[in-house]
C-alpha atoms as a PDB file:
ATOM      1  CA  MET A   1     101.727 109.944 124.442  1.00  0.00           C
ATOM      2  CA  PHE A   2     105.133 110.322 122.819  1.00  0.00           C
ATOM      3  CA  ASP A   3     106.059 106.689 123.455  1.00  0.00           C
ATOM      4  CA  ARG A   4     103.654 105.544 120.747  1.00  0.00           C
ATOM      5  CA  PHE A   5     106.009 106.931 118.066  1.00  0.00           C
ATOM      6  CA  ARG A   6     109.121 105.114 119.329  1.00  0.00           C
ATOM      7  CA  LYS A   7     108.644 102.034 117.164  1.00  0.00           C
ATOM      8  CA  TYR A   8     108.097 104.011 113.950  1.00  0.00           C
ATOM      9  CA  THR A   9     110.428 105.549 111.367  1.00  0.00           C
ATOM     10  CA  LEU A  10     109.933 108.941 109.737  1.00  0.00           C
ATOM     11  CA  LEU A  11     110.943 110.521 106.429  1.00  0.00           C
ATOM     12  CA  TYR A  12     111.190 114.315 106.749  1.00  0.00           C
ATOM     13  CA  VAL A  13     111.816 116.470 103.678  1.00  0.00           C
ATOM     14  CA  GLU A  14     112.592 120.183 103.897  1.00  0.00           C
ATOM     15  CA  ASP A  15     114.860 122.197 101.590  1.00  0.00           C
ATOM     16  CA  HIS A  16     115.474 125.020 104.093  1.00  0.00           C
ATOM     17  CA  GLU A  17     118.549 123.894 106.041  1.00  0.00           C
ATOM     18  CA  SER A  18     118.008 125.606 109.412  1.00  0.00           C
ATOM     19  CA  THR A  19     114.320 124.604 109.477  1.00  0.00           C
ATOM     20  CA  ARG A  20     115.244 121.025 108.612  1.00  0.00           C
ATOM     21  CA  GLU A  21     117.850 120.867 111.375  1.00  0.00           C
ATOM     22  CA  ASN A  22     115.513 122.290 114.022  1.00  0.00           C
ATOM     23  CA  TYR A  23     112.642 119.942 113.224  1.00  0.00           C
ATOM     24  CA  THR A  24     114.970 116.970 112.877  1.00  0.00           C
ATOM     25  CA  LEU A  25     116.071 117.468 116.498  1.00  0.00           C
ATOM     26  CA  PHE A  26     112.435 117.415 117.540  1.00  0.00           C
ATOM     27  CA  PHE A  27     111.589 114.350 115.434  1.00  0.00           C
ATOM     28  CA  ASN A  28     114.642 112.468 116.705  1.00  0.00           C
ATOM     29  CA  SER A  29     113.236 112.804 120.218  1.00  0.00           C
ATOM     30  CA  LEU A  30     110.043 111.071 119.101  1.00  0.00           C
ATOM     31  CA  PHE A  31     110.842 108.436 116.479  1.00  0.00           C
ATOM     32  CA  HIS A  32     112.997 105.339 116.324  1.00  0.00           C
ATOM     33  CA  THR A  33     114.734 106.592 113.167  1.00  0.00           C
ATOM     34  CA  VAL A  34     114.432 109.817 111.159  1.00  0.00           C
ATOM     35  CA  TYR A  35     115.523 110.026 107.510  1.00  0.00           C
ATOM     36  CA  THR A  36     115.986 113.576 106.230  1.00  0.00           C
ATOM     37  CA  ALA A  37     116.219 114.931 102.694  1.00  0.00           C
ATOM     38  CA  SER A  38     116.601 118.372 101.170  1.00  0.00           C
ATOM     39  CA  ASP A  39     114.904 117.692  97.826  1.00  0.00           C
ATOM     40  CA  GLY A  40     112.297 115.416  96.311  1.00  0.00           C
ATOM     41  CA  ARG A  41     114.683 113.154  94.434  1.00  0.00           C
ATOM     42  CA  GLU A  42     116.730 112.399  97.544  1.00  0.00           C
ATOM     43  CA  ALA A  43     113.491 111.833  99.450  1.00  0.00           C
ATOM     44  CA  LEU A  44     112.268 109.334  96.857  1.00  0.00           C
ATOM     45  CA  GLU A  45     115.551 107.424  97.103  1.00  0.00           C
ATOM     46  CA  LEU A  46     115.245 107.286 100.907  1.00  0.00           C
ATOM     47  CA  TYR A  47     111.616 106.213 100.718  1.00  0.00           C
ATOM     48  CA  THR A  48     112.418 103.438  98.222  1.00  0.00           C
ATOM     49  CA  ARG A  49     115.370 102.200 100.256  1.00  0.00           C
ATOM     50  CA  TYR A  50     114.018 102.403 103.824  1.00  0.00           C
ATOM     51  CA  ARG A  51     110.228 102.320 103.526  1.00  0.00           C
ATOM     52  CA  PRO A  52     109.563 104.745 106.405  1.00  0.00           C
ATOM     53  CA  ASP A  53     106.367 104.369 108.401  1.00  0.00           C
ATOM     54  CA  ILE A  54     105.389 108.062 108.103  1.00  0.00           C
ATOM     55  CA  ALA A  55     106.416 110.797 105.649  1.00  0.00           C
ATOM     56  CA  ILE A  56     106.370 114.575 106.202  1.00  0.00           C
ATOM     57  CA  LEU A  57     106.927 116.408 102.926  1.00  0.00           C
ATOM     58  CA  ASP A  58     107.412 120.083 102.130  1.00  0.00           C
ATOM     59  CA  ILE A  59     105.208 121.018  99.201  1.00  0.00           C
ATOM     60  CA  MET A  60     107.807 123.303  97.569  1.00  0.00           C
ATOM     61  CA  MET A  61     110.917 121.160  97.050  1.00  0.00           C
ATOM     62  CA  PRO A  62     113.582 121.161  94.347  1.00  0.00           C
ATOM     63  CA  LEU A  63     113.563 118.446  91.644  1.00  0.00           C
ATOM     64  CA  ILE A  64     110.308 116.799  92.747  1.00  0.00           C
ATOM     65  CA  ASP A  65     107.728 118.792  94.722  1.00  0.00           C
ATOM     66  CA  GLY A  66     105.806 117.396  97.684  1.00  0.00           C
ATOM     67  CA  LEU A  67     102.551 116.687  95.854  1.00  0.00           C
ATOM     68  CA  GLU A  68     104.284 114.964  92.946  1.00  0.00           C
ATOM     69  CA  LEU A  69     106.320 112.879  95.374  1.00  0.00           C
ATOM     70  CA  SER A  70     103.096 111.990  97.220  1.00  0.00           C
ATOM     71  CA  LYS A  71     101.565 110.821  93.923  1.00  0.00           C
ATOM     72  CA  ILE A  72     104.604 108.620  93.236  1.00  0.00           C
ATOM     73  CA  ILE A  73     104.482 107.150  96.742  1.00  0.00           C
ATOM     74  CA  ARG A  74     100.729 106.543  96.535  1.00  0.00           C
ATOM     75  CA  LYS A  75     101.141 104.493  93.344  1.00  0.00           C
ATOM     76  CA  ASP A  76     103.363 102.140  95.338  1.00  0.00           C
ATOM     77  CA  ASP A  77     101.832 102.365  98.808  1.00  0.00           C
ATOM     78  CA  ASP A  78      98.247 103.375  99.566  1.00  0.00           C
ATOM     79  CA  ARG A  79      98.658 103.083 103.317  1.00  0.00           C
ATOM     80  CA  VAL A  80     101.708 105.061 104.497  1.00  0.00           C
ATOM     81  CA  PRO A  81     100.533 108.247 106.307  1.00  0.00           C
ATOM     82  CA  LEU A  82     101.576 111.399 104.408  1.00  0.00           C
ATOM     83  CA  ILE A  83     101.694 114.875 105.940  1.00  0.00           C
ATOM     84  CA  ILE A  84     102.232 117.871 103.635  1.00  0.00           C
ATOM     85  CA  LEU A  85     103.726 121.175 104.808  1.00  0.00           C
ATOM     86  CA  THR A  86     103.198 124.396 102.841  1.00  0.00           C
ATOM     87  CA  ALA A  87     104.063 128.070 103.304  1.00  0.00           C
ATOM     88  CA  TYR A  88     100.711 129.172 101.859  1.00  0.00           C
ATOM     89  CA  LEU A  89      97.238 127.832 101.117  1.00  0.00           C
ATOM     90  CA  ASP A  90      96.673 127.141  97.430  1.00  0.00           C
ATOM     91  CA  THR A  91      93.121 126.003  96.637  1.00  0.00           C
ATOM     92  CA  ASP A  92      94.124 124.055  93.532  1.00  0.00           C
ATOM     93  CA  LYS A  93      96.896 122.259  95.375  1.00  0.00           C
ATOM     94  CA  LEU A  94      94.606 121.599  98.310  1.00  0.00           C
ATOM     95  CA  LEU A  95      92.047 119.972  95.984  1.00  0.00           C
ATOM     96  CA  LEU A  96      94.777 117.803  94.477  1.00  0.00           C
ATOM     97  CA  ALA A  97      95.969 116.898  97.958  1.00  0.00           C
ATOM     98  CA  THR A  98      92.529 115.537  98.866  1.00  0.00           C
ATOM     99  CA  GLU A  99      92.931 112.909  96.132  1.00  0.00           C
ATOM    100  CA  LEU A 100      96.141 111.636  97.713  1.00  0.00           C
ATOM    101  CA  ASP A 101      94.577 110.480 100.985  1.00  0.00           C
ATOM    102  CA  LEU A 102      96.812 112.750 103.056  1.00  0.00           C
ATOM    103  CA  THR A 103      96.780 112.484 106.830  1.00  0.00           C
ATOM    104  CA  LYS A 104      97.121 116.280 107.118  1.00  0.00           C
ATOM    105  CA  TYR A 105      97.870 119.427 105.119  1.00  0.00           C
ATOM    106  CA  LEU A 106      99.600 121.958 107.422  1.00  0.00           C
ATOM    107  CA  THR A 107     100.627 125.552 106.788  1.00  0.00           C
ATOM    108  CA  LYS A 108     103.971 126.995 107.890  1.00  0.00           C
ATOM    109  CA  PRO A 109     105.105 128.043 110.359  1.00  0.00           C
ATOM    110  CA  VAL A 110     103.774 124.800 111.767  1.00  0.00           C
ATOM    111  CA  ASP A 111     102.294 124.917 115.239  1.00  0.00           C
ATOM    112  CA  TYR A 112     103.871 122.116 117.295  1.00  0.00           C
ATOM    113  CA  LYS A 113     100.518 121.203 118.832  1.00  0.00           C
ATOM    114  CA  LYS A 114      98.941 120.774 115.390  1.00  0.00           C
ATOM    115  CA  LEU A 115     101.968 118.827 114.226  1.00  0.00           C
ATOM    116  CA  LEU A 116     101.668 116.436 117.157  1.00  0.00           C
ATOM    117  CA  GLU A 117      97.950 116.056 116.484  1.00  0.00           C
ATOM    118  CA  SER A 118      98.795 115.145 112.873  1.00  0.00           C
ATOM    119  CA  LEU A 119     101.387 112.612 114.011  1.00  0.00           C
ATOM    120  CA  ASP A 120      98.788 111.145 116.374  1.00  0.00           C
ATOM    121  CA  LEU A 121      96.447 110.692 113.406  1.00  0.00           C
ATOM    122  CA  ALA A 122      99.258 109.009 111.487  1.00  0.00           C
ATOM    123  CA  ALA A 123      99.963 106.662 114.408  1.00  0.00           C
ATOM    124  CA  ASP A 124      96.240 105.873 114.668  1.00  0.00           C
ATOM    125  CA  ARG A 125      96.263 104.829 111.020  1.00  0.00           C
ATOM    126  CA  LEU A 126      99.361 102.679 111.445  1.00  0.00           C
ATOM    127  CA  GLU A 127      97.906 100.973 114.503  1.00  0.00           C
ATOM    128  CA  ARG A 128      94.657 100.228 112.654  1.00  0.00           C
ATOM    129  CA  ASP A 129      96.641  98.703 109.799  1.00  0.00           C
ATOM    130  CA  GLU A 130      98.723  96.660 112.240  1.00  0.00           C
ATOM    131  CA  LYS A 131      95.576  95.310 113.810  1.00  0.00           C
ATOM    132  CA  ARG A 132      94.100  94.523 110.405  1.00  0.00           C
ATOM    133  CA  ASP A 133      97.288  92.782 109.289  1.00  0.00           C
ATOM    134  CA  ALA A 134      97.608  90.723 112.457  1.00  0.00           C
ATOM    135  CA  LYS A 135      97.724  86.954 112.306  1.00  0.00           C
ATOM    136  CA  MET A 136      96.019  84.645 114.726  1.00  0.00           C
ATOM    137  CA  ILE A 137      97.906  81.593 115.985  1.00  0.00           C
ATOM    138  CA  LEU A 138      95.494  78.752 116.614  1.00  0.00           C
ATOM    139  CA  TYR A 139      96.744  75.199 117.281  1.00  0.00           C
ATOM    140  CA  ASP A 140      99.500  72.916 115.946  1.00  0.00           C
ATOM    141  CA  GLY A 141     100.969  75.409 113.508  1.00  0.00           C
ATOM    142  CA  CYS A 142      97.552  76.632 112.375  1.00  0.00           C
ATOM    143  CA  VAL A 143      97.588  80.356 111.501  1.00  0.00           C
ATOM    144  CA  TRP A 144      94.802  82.621 110.242  1.00  0.00           C
ATOM    145  CA  ASP A 145      95.802  85.646 108.135  1.00  0.00           C
ATOM    146  CA  ILE A 146      93.229  88.317 108.986  1.00  0.00           C
ATOM    147  CA  LYS A 147      93.964  90.683 106.114  1.00  0.00           C
ATOM    148  CA  TYR A 148      93.746  88.092 103.324  1.00  0.00           C
ATOM    149  CA  GLU A 149      91.382  85.705 105.134  1.00  0.00           C
ATOM    150  CA  LYS A 150      93.593  82.690 104.538  1.00  0.00           C
ATOM    151  CA  LEU A 151      94.277  79.685 106.731  1.00  0.00           C
ATOM    152  CA  PHE A 152      97.693  78.034 106.947  1.00  0.00           C
ATOM    153  CA  GLN A 153      98.903  74.832 108.569  1.00  0.00           C
ATOM    154  CA  GLU A 154     102.674  74.398 108.898  1.00  0.00           C
ATOM    155  CA  SER A 155     103.068  77.310 106.409  1.00  0.00           C
ATOM    156  CA  GLN A 156     100.940  75.529 103.796  1.00  0.00           C
ATOM    157  CA  GLU A 157      97.718  77.253 102.748  1.00  0.00           C
ATOM    158  CA  ILE A 158      94.542  75.258 103.284  1.00  0.00           C
ATOM    159  CA  VAL A 159      92.157  76.017 100.430  1.00  0.00           C
ATOM    160  CA  LEU A 160      88.735  76.946 101.791  1.00  0.00           C
ATOM    161  CA  THR A 161      85.390  77.326 100.070  1.00  0.00           C
ATOM    162  CA  LYS A 162      83.679  80.728 100.265  1.00  0.00           C
ATOM    163  CA  ASN A 163      81.383  79.569 103.072  1.00  0.00           C
ATOM    164  CA  GLU A 164      84.200  77.856 104.989  1.00  0.00           C
ATOM    165  CA  LYS A 165      86.220  81.063 104.771  1.00  0.00           C
ATOM    166  CA  ARG A 166      83.249  83.131 105.933  1.00  0.00           C
ATOM    167  CA  LEU A 167      82.680  80.848 108.903  1.00  0.00           C
ATOM    168  CA  CYS A 168      86.384  80.892 109.850  1.00  0.00           C
ATOM    169  CA  SER A 169      86.485  84.673 109.614  1.00  0.00           C
ATOM    170  CA  TYR A 170      83.424  85.031 111.831  1.00  0.00           C
ATOM    171  CA  LEU A 171      84.555  82.618 114.557  1.00  0.00           C
ATOM    172  CA  ILE A 172      88.218  83.707 114.583  1.00  0.00           C
ATOM    173  CA  SER A 173      87.299  87.410 114.759  1.00  0.00           C
ATOM    174  CA  ARG A 174      85.503  86.476 117.989  1.00  0.00           C
ATOM    175  CA  ILE A 175      88.226  84.182 119.246  1.00  0.00           C
ATOM    176  CA  GLY A 176      87.626  82.925 122.760  1.00  0.00           C
ATOM    177  CA  GLN A 177      83.949  83.928 122.612  1.00  0.00           C
ATOM    178  CA  THR A 178      81.071  81.492 122.336  1.00  0.00           C
ATOM    179  CA  CYS A 179      78.995  82.370 119.279  1.00  0.00           C
ATOM    180  CA  SER A 180      75.367  81.308 119.170  1.00  0.00           C
ATOM    181  CA  VAL A 181      74.001  79.455 116.167  1.00  0.00           C
ATOM    182  CA  GLU A 182      71.537  82.310 115.637  1.00  0.00           C
ATOM    183  CA  ASP A 183      74.326  84.931 115.479  1.00  0.00           C
ATOM    184  CA  ILE A 184      76.378  82.859 113.034  1.00  0.00           C
ATOM    185  CA  LEU A 185      73.394  82.310 110.742  1.00  0.00           C
ATOM    186  CA  ASP A 186      72.551  86.009 110.984  1.00  0.00           C
ATOM    187  CA  ASP A 187      76.076  86.848 109.789  1.00  0.00           C
ATOM    188  CA  PHE A 188      75.606  84.655 106.722  1.00  0.00           C
ATOM    189  CA  TRP A 189      72.283  86.315 105.994  1.00  0.00           C
ATOM    190  CA  HIS A 190      73.574  89.909 106.307  1.00  0.00           C
ATOM    191  CA  ALA A 191      76.813  89.460 104.333  1.00  0.00           C
ATOM    192  CA  GLU A 192      77.389  91.296 101.040  1.00  0.00           C
ATOM    193  CA  ASP A 193      76.291  88.141  99.224  1.00  0.00           C
ATOM    194  CA  PRO A 194      73.670  86.819 101.675  1.00  0.00           C
ATOM    195  CA  LEU A 195      73.066  83.121 102.117  1.00  0.00           C
ATOM    196  CA  ASP A 196      69.962  81.769 103.828  1.00  0.00           C
ATOM    197  CA  MET A 197      71.632  78.885 105.671  1.00  0.00           C
ATOM    198  CA  SER A 198      69.765  76.489 107.953  1.00  0.00           C
ATOM    199  CA  GLU A 199      71.008  75.204 111.291  1.00  0.00           C
ATOM    200  CA  ASN A 200      71.513  71.732 109.814  1.00  0.00           C
ATOM    201  CA  ALA A 201      73.500  73.216 106.916  1.00  0.00           C
ATOM    202  CA  LEU A 202      75.683  75.075 109.399  1.00  0.00           C
ATOM    203  CA  ARG A 203      76.392  71.866 111.321  1.00  0.00           C
ATOM    204  CA  GLY A 204      77.345  70.165 108.064  1.00  0.00           C
ATOM    205  CA  LEU A 205      79.622  73.054 107.138  1.00  0.00           C
ATOM    206  CA  LEU A 206      81.341  72.896 110.536  1.00  0.00           C
ATOM    207  CA  LYS A 207      81.791  69.115 110.212  1.00  0.00           C
ATOM    208  CA  ARG A 208      83.418  69.442 106.785  1.00  0.00           C
ATOM    209  CA  LEU A 209      85.609  72.314 107.969  1.00  0.00           C
ATOM    210  CA  LYS A 210      86.866  70.396 111.017  1.00  0.00           C
ATOM    211  CA  LYS A 211      87.609  67.373 108.835  1.00  0.00           C
ATOM    212  CA  LYS A 212      89.532  69.482 106.302  1.00  0.00           C
ATOM    213  CA  VAL A 213      91.461  71.467 108.929  1.00  0.00           C
ATOM    214  CA  SER A 214      92.668  69.128 111.649  1.00  0.00           C
ATOM    215  CA  CYS A 215      94.389  71.936 113.576  1.00  0.00           C
ATOM    216  CA  LEU A 216      91.259  74.089 113.778  1.00  0.00           C
ATOM    217  CA  CYS A 217      89.837  73.351 117.206  1.00  0.00           C
ATOM    218  CA  VAL A 218      86.170  74.340 117.074  1.00  0.00           C
ATOM    219  CA  GLU A 219      84.410  73.645 120.365  1.00  0.00           C
ATOM    220  CA  ASN A 220      80.717  72.861 120.478  1.00  0.00           C
ATOM    221  CA  ILE A 221      79.375  74.416 123.693  1.00  0.00           C
ATOM    222  CA  TYR A 222      76.252  72.345 124.198  1.00  0.00           C
ATOM    223  CA  GLY A 223      73.072  74.361 124.048  1.00  0.00           C
ATOM    224  CA  ILE A 224      74.937  77.642 123.476  1.00  0.00           C
ATOM    225  CA  GLY A 225      77.001  77.642 120.281  1.00  0.00           C
ATOM    226  CA  TYR A 226      80.569  77.327 118.986  1.00  0.00           C
ATOM    227  CA  ARG A 227      83.955  78.726 119.958  1.00  0.00           C
ATOM    228  CA  ILE A 228      87.547  78.804 118.665  1.00  0.00           C
ATOM    229  CA  ASN A 229      90.432  79.379 121.065  1.00  0.00           C
ATOM    230  CA  GLY A 230      93.821  80.826 120.120  1.00  0.00           C
ATOM    231  CA  GLN A 231      96.005  83.906 120.440  1.00  0.00           C
ATOM    232  CA  LYS A 232      97.332  86.796 118.391  1.00  0.00           C
ATOM    233  CA  GLU A 233     100.786  86.377 116.962  1.00  0.00           C
ATOM    234  CA  GLY A 234     103.392  87.604 119.441  1.00  0.00           C
ATOM    235  CA  GLU A 235     101.193  87.262 122.518  1.00  0.00           C
END
């Protein structure tokens, strides 16, 4: 369980010295690197410089409090998991916290079990983002960027039409699987901007796509459907 945190970095902010030292020992046993700060301004400097993967912020901090710091961070990064610690429950602050997409809002003294559960939630979020941001290596320097739905060959972007992009996204998301013509057409029909495409139109689209993207190896499995082979980056 604890091994999942080893690759991540943590920013921990607490103005009470003995509390900060005790928790820092604990966090150092979990994370690759732990950055500690005693006030909000120092924390902001550390965040800006090191871009930690997770941030744990005390709500009552000198110079910049935890919620204000969270607002500043959120303007720059809407994905980093934020955990807020507070000595008391304040309804107004709790309502504000809900607008900041916090991973957790914990009251002090913090139960270690609840803290670990919150860190697990943060790691879940990071892992989902990593999966979403992954790139797929296809053939001959052909790479598909999952997050932005862009195709590159030898680091040069290949400009795709909306339908070409939709088809690439569908086939590559099912890489190694044979997709039936019916399933592909169904995906076009049920998209946000549906398109009633015929089987002949799909064949024409595939032909144009293969001609435009020489490195995109689309296999026609006779009588079954189409398949793209490749691997995730790093595999």
